[in-house]
Every structure is written in structure tokens, then in C-alpha cells.
Amino acid sequence: MSRQKVWRTAHSLIKRYGKGAIIHAALQMEEFFDEGDFQESVAWESVLEALEELFSEDVPANAVIH
């Protein structure tokens, strides 16, 4: 999954599930892993990481706040 699609998917999940998007992505990742579809599982892991970053309250040290 491209980086752009990862972020697009993450934003779409937030619109649909709110904070529950993290749980949805984790369940998707686990489901594909259990089915042996490791490529899709890794893709959902990327979405999960994007969601965690979006919901994080931490500001990276190199961030510029406007």
C-alpha cells in the first residue's frame, strides 16, 4: 500500500469510526494475519501506525507549529 493510500485510509477510518478507527485497523491487521495474507496485514499495520500518529498528542521535536 502506498504511503498516500495509507494516510487516505487512516483519514477515512477516522471519519467513519472516530477513535474506534484504531481498533478497526488492529482487527483488520489481525484478521489478514490469521488468514495468512501477510502483505495485507502489513498494509493494515501501516494504517494503524498512521492512526496512532494522528491521535498522538506528542509533538515531534522538529515540528514547526503555526
N, C-alpha and C. Protein backbone atom coordinates (compact mmCIF):
# COMPACT_ATOMS: atom_id res chain seq x y z
N MET A 1 0.86 -1.17 0.00
CA MET A 1 0.00 0.00 0.00
C MET A 1 0.90 1.24 0.00
N SER A 2 0.62 2.16 -0.90
CA SER A 2 1.42 3.38 -0.97
C SER A 2 1.21 4.23 0.28
N ARG A 3 2.18 5.07 0.54
CA ARG A 3 2.09 5.97 1.70
C ARG A 3 0.84 6.84 1.61
N GLN A 4 0.55 7.32 0.40
CA GLN A 4 -0.63 8.16 0.20
C GLN A 4 -1.91 7.39 0.53
N LYS A 5 -1.99 6.14 0.10
CA LYS A 5 -3.18 5.34 0.36
C LYS A 5 -3.31 5.03 1.85
N VAL A 6 -2.18 4.82 2.52
CA VAL A 6 -2.19 4.58 3.98
C VAL A 6 -2.85 5.75 4.68
N TRP A 7 -2.41 6.97 4.37
CA TRP A 7 -2.95 8.15 5.04
C TRP A 7 -4.40 8.41 4.64
N ARG A 8 -4.73 8.17 3.38
CA ARG A 8 -6.11 8.33 2.93
C ARG A 8 -7.03 7.36 3.66
N THR A 9 -6.56 6.12 3.82
CA THR A 9 -7.34 5.11 4.54
C THR A 9 -7.50 5.50 6.01
N ALA A 10 -6.42 5.97 6.61
CA ALA A 10 -6.48 6.38 8.02
C ALA A 10 -7.50 7.50 8.21
N HIS A 11 -7.48 8.50 7.35
CA HIS A 11 -8.43 9.60 7.47
C HIS A 11 -9.87 9.13 7.24
N SER A 12 -10.04 8.23 6.31
CA SER A 12 -11.37 7.68 6.04
C SER A 12 -11.90 6.92 7.25
N LEU A 13 -11.04 6.15 7.89
CA LEU A 13 -11.45 5.40 9.07
C LEU A 13 -11.82 6.33 10.23
N ILE A 14 -11.09 7.42 10.36
CA ILE A 14 -11.40 8.38 11.42
C ILE A 14 -12.78 8.99 11.18
N LYS A 15 -13.07 9.33 9.93
CA LYS A 15 -14.39 9.89 9.62
C LYS A 15 -15.49 8.89 9.96
N ARG A 16 -15.24 7.62 9.69
CA ARG A 16 -16.27 6.60 9.89
C ARG A 16 -16.39 6.12 11.34
N TYR A 17 -15.23 5.92 12.01
CA TYR A 17 -15.24 5.29 13.33
C TYR A 17 -14.76 6.18 14.47
N GLY A 18 -14.28 7.37 14.17
CA GLY A 18 -13.71 8.21 15.22
C GLY A 18 -12.51 7.52 15.85
N LYS A 19 -12.40 7.60 17.18
CA LYS A 19 -11.27 6.95 17.86
C LYS A 19 -11.32 5.44 17.74
N GLY A 20 -12.48 4.89 17.41
CA GLY A 20 -12.60 3.46 17.19
C GLY A 20 -11.86 2.99 15.95
N ALA A 21 -11.36 3.93 15.16
CA ALA A 21 -10.60 3.59 13.95
C ALA A 21 -9.37 2.76 14.28
N ILE A 22 -8.75 3.04 15.41
CA ILE A 22 -7.56 2.28 15.82
C ILE A 22 -7.93 0.82 16.05
N ILE A 23 -9.03 0.58 16.72
CA ILE A 23 -9.47 -0.79 16.98
C ILE A 23 -9.81 -1.48 15.67
N HIS A 24 -10.51 -0.78 14.78
CA HIS A 24 -10.88 -1.35 13.48
C HIS A 24 -9.62 -1.76 12.70
N ALA A 25 -8.65 -0.89 12.64
CA ALA A 25 -7.42 -1.19 11.90
C ALA A 25 -6.67 -2.37 12.53
N ALA A 26 -6.63 -2.42 13.85
CA ALA A 26 -5.95 -3.53 14.53
C ALA A 26 -6.64 -4.86 14.24
N LEU A 27 -7.98 -4.84 14.24
CA LEU A 27 -8.73 -6.06 13.93
C LEU A 27 -8.50 -6.50 12.49
N GLN A 28 -8.46 -5.54 11.57
CA GLN A 28 -8.20 -5.86 10.16
C GLN A 28 -6.81 -6.49 10.01
N MET A 29 -5.84 -5.88 10.67
CA MET A 29 -4.47 -6.38 10.60
C MET A 29 -4.40 -7.81 11.12
N GLU A 30 -5.04 -8.05 12.24
CA GLU A 30 -5.03 -9.39 12.85
C GLU A 30 -5.77 -10.40 11.97
N GLU A 31 -6.89 -9.99 11.40
CA GLU A 31 -7.67 -10.89 10.56
C GLU A 31 -6.87 -11.35 9.33
N PHE A 32 -6.23 -10.40 8.66
CA PHE A 32 -5.43 -10.77 7.50
C PHE A 32 -4.23 -11.63 7.89
N PHE A 33 -3.64 -11.34 9.04
CA PHE A 33 -2.52 -12.15 9.53
C PHE A 33 -2.98 -13.58 9.77
N ASP A 34 -4.11 -13.73 10.45
CA ASP A 34 -4.65 -15.06 10.75
C ASP A 34 -4.99 -15.84 9.48
N GLU A 35 -5.38 -15.11 8.42
CA GLU A 35 -5.70 -15.75 7.14
C GLU A 35 -4.45 -16.06 6.32
N GLY A 36 -3.29 -15.61 6.80
CA GLY A 36 -2.05 -15.86 6.09
C GLY A 36 -1.75 -14.83 5.01
N ASP A 37 -2.52 -13.76 4.95
CA ASP A 37 -2.29 -12.70 3.97
C ASP A 37 -1.39 -11.65 4.63
N PHE A 38 -0.10 -11.95 4.65
CA PHE A 38 0.85 -11.13 5.38
C PHE A 38 1.07 -9.77 4.72
N GLN A 39 0.97 -9.70 3.41
CA GLN A 39 1.13 -8.43 2.72
C GLN A 39 0.01 -7.46 3.13
N GLU A 40 -1.21 -7.95 3.16
CA GLU A 40 -2.34 -7.10 3.56
C GLU A 40 -2.27 -6.77 5.05
N SER A 41 -1.79 -7.72 5.85
CA SER A 41 -1.63 -7.47 7.27
C SER A 41 -0.62 -6.35 7.52
N VAL A 42 0.48 -6.36 6.78
CA VAL A 42 1.49 -5.30 6.90
C VAL A 42 0.91 -3.96 6.46
N ALA A 43 0.09 -3.97 5.42
CA ALA A 43 -0.56 -2.74 4.96
C ALA A 43 -1.43 -2.15 6.06
N TRP A 44 -2.20 -3.01 6.74
CA TRP A 44 -3.05 -2.53 7.83
C TRP A 44 -2.23 -2.10 9.04
N GLU A 45 -1.07 -2.71 9.22
CA GLU A 45 -0.18 -2.27 10.29
C GLU A 45 0.28 -0.83 10.01
N SER A 46 0.55 -0.52 8.74
CA SER A 46 0.93 0.84 8.37
C SER A 46 -0.21 1.82 8.64
N VAL A 47 -1.43 1.41 8.34
CA VAL A 47 -2.60 2.25 8.62
C VAL A 47 -2.73 2.47 10.13
N LEU A 48 -2.53 1.41 10.89
CA LEU A 48 -2.61 1.51 12.34
C LEU A 48 -1.57 2.49 12.87
N GLU A 49 -0.35 2.42 12.36
CA GLU A 49 0.70 3.34 12.78
C GLU A 49 0.35 4.78 12.43
N ALA A 50 -0.24 4.98 11.25
CA ALA A 50 -0.67 6.33 10.85
C ALA A 50 -1.75 6.85 11.80
N LEU A 51 -2.69 5.99 12.14
CA LEU A 51 -3.76 6.39 13.07
C LEU A 51 -3.18 6.75 14.43
N GLU A 52 -2.25 5.96 14.92
CA GLU A 52 -1.64 6.24 16.21
C GLU A 52 -0.92 7.58 16.18
N GLU A 53 -0.29 7.88 15.05
CA GLU A 53 0.38 9.18 14.91
C GLU A 53 -0.64 10.31 14.87
N LEU A 54 -1.73 10.12 14.16
CA LEU A 54 -2.76 11.16 14.08
C LEU A 54 -3.42 11.43 15.43
N PHE A 55 -3.60 10.41 16.22
CA PHE A 55 -4.23 10.57 17.53
C PHE A 55 -3.25 10.94 18.64
N SER A 56 -1.97 10.90 18.34
CA SER A 56 -0.95 11.19 19.33
C SER A 56 -1.00 12.66 19.73
N GLU A 57 -0.76 12.91 20.98
CA GLU A 57 -0.70 14.28 21.47
C GLU A 57 0.74 14.76 21.55
N ASP A 58 1.68 13.89 21.21
CA ASP A 58 3.09 14.26 21.23
C ASP A 58 3.42 15.08 19.99
N VAL A 59 4.24 16.10 20.17
CA VAL A 59 4.69 16.93 19.05
C VAL A 59 6.14 16.57 18.78
N PRO A 60 6.46 16.14 17.55
CA PRO A 60 7.85 15.81 17.23
C PRO A 60 8.77 17.00 17.48
N ALA A 61 10.00 16.73 17.88
CA ALA A 61 10.96 17.78 18.22
C ALA A 61 11.21 18.71 17.04
N ASN A 62 11.16 18.19 15.82
CA ASN A 62 11.46 19.02 14.65
C ASN A 62 10.20 19.65 14.03
N ALA A 63 9.08 19.57 14.72
CA ALA A 63 7.82 20.10 14.18
C ALA A 63 7.79 21.62 14.28
N VAL A 64 7.22 22.24 13.26
CA VAL A 64 7.01 23.69 13.27
C VAL A 64 5.53 23.92 13.49
N ILE A 65 5.20 24.61 14.56
CA ILE A 65 3.80 24.88 14.91
C ILE A 65 3.46 26.28 14.45
N HIS A 66 2.39 26.40 13.67
CA HIS A 66 1.98 27.70 13.12
C HIS A 66 0.88 28.30 13.95
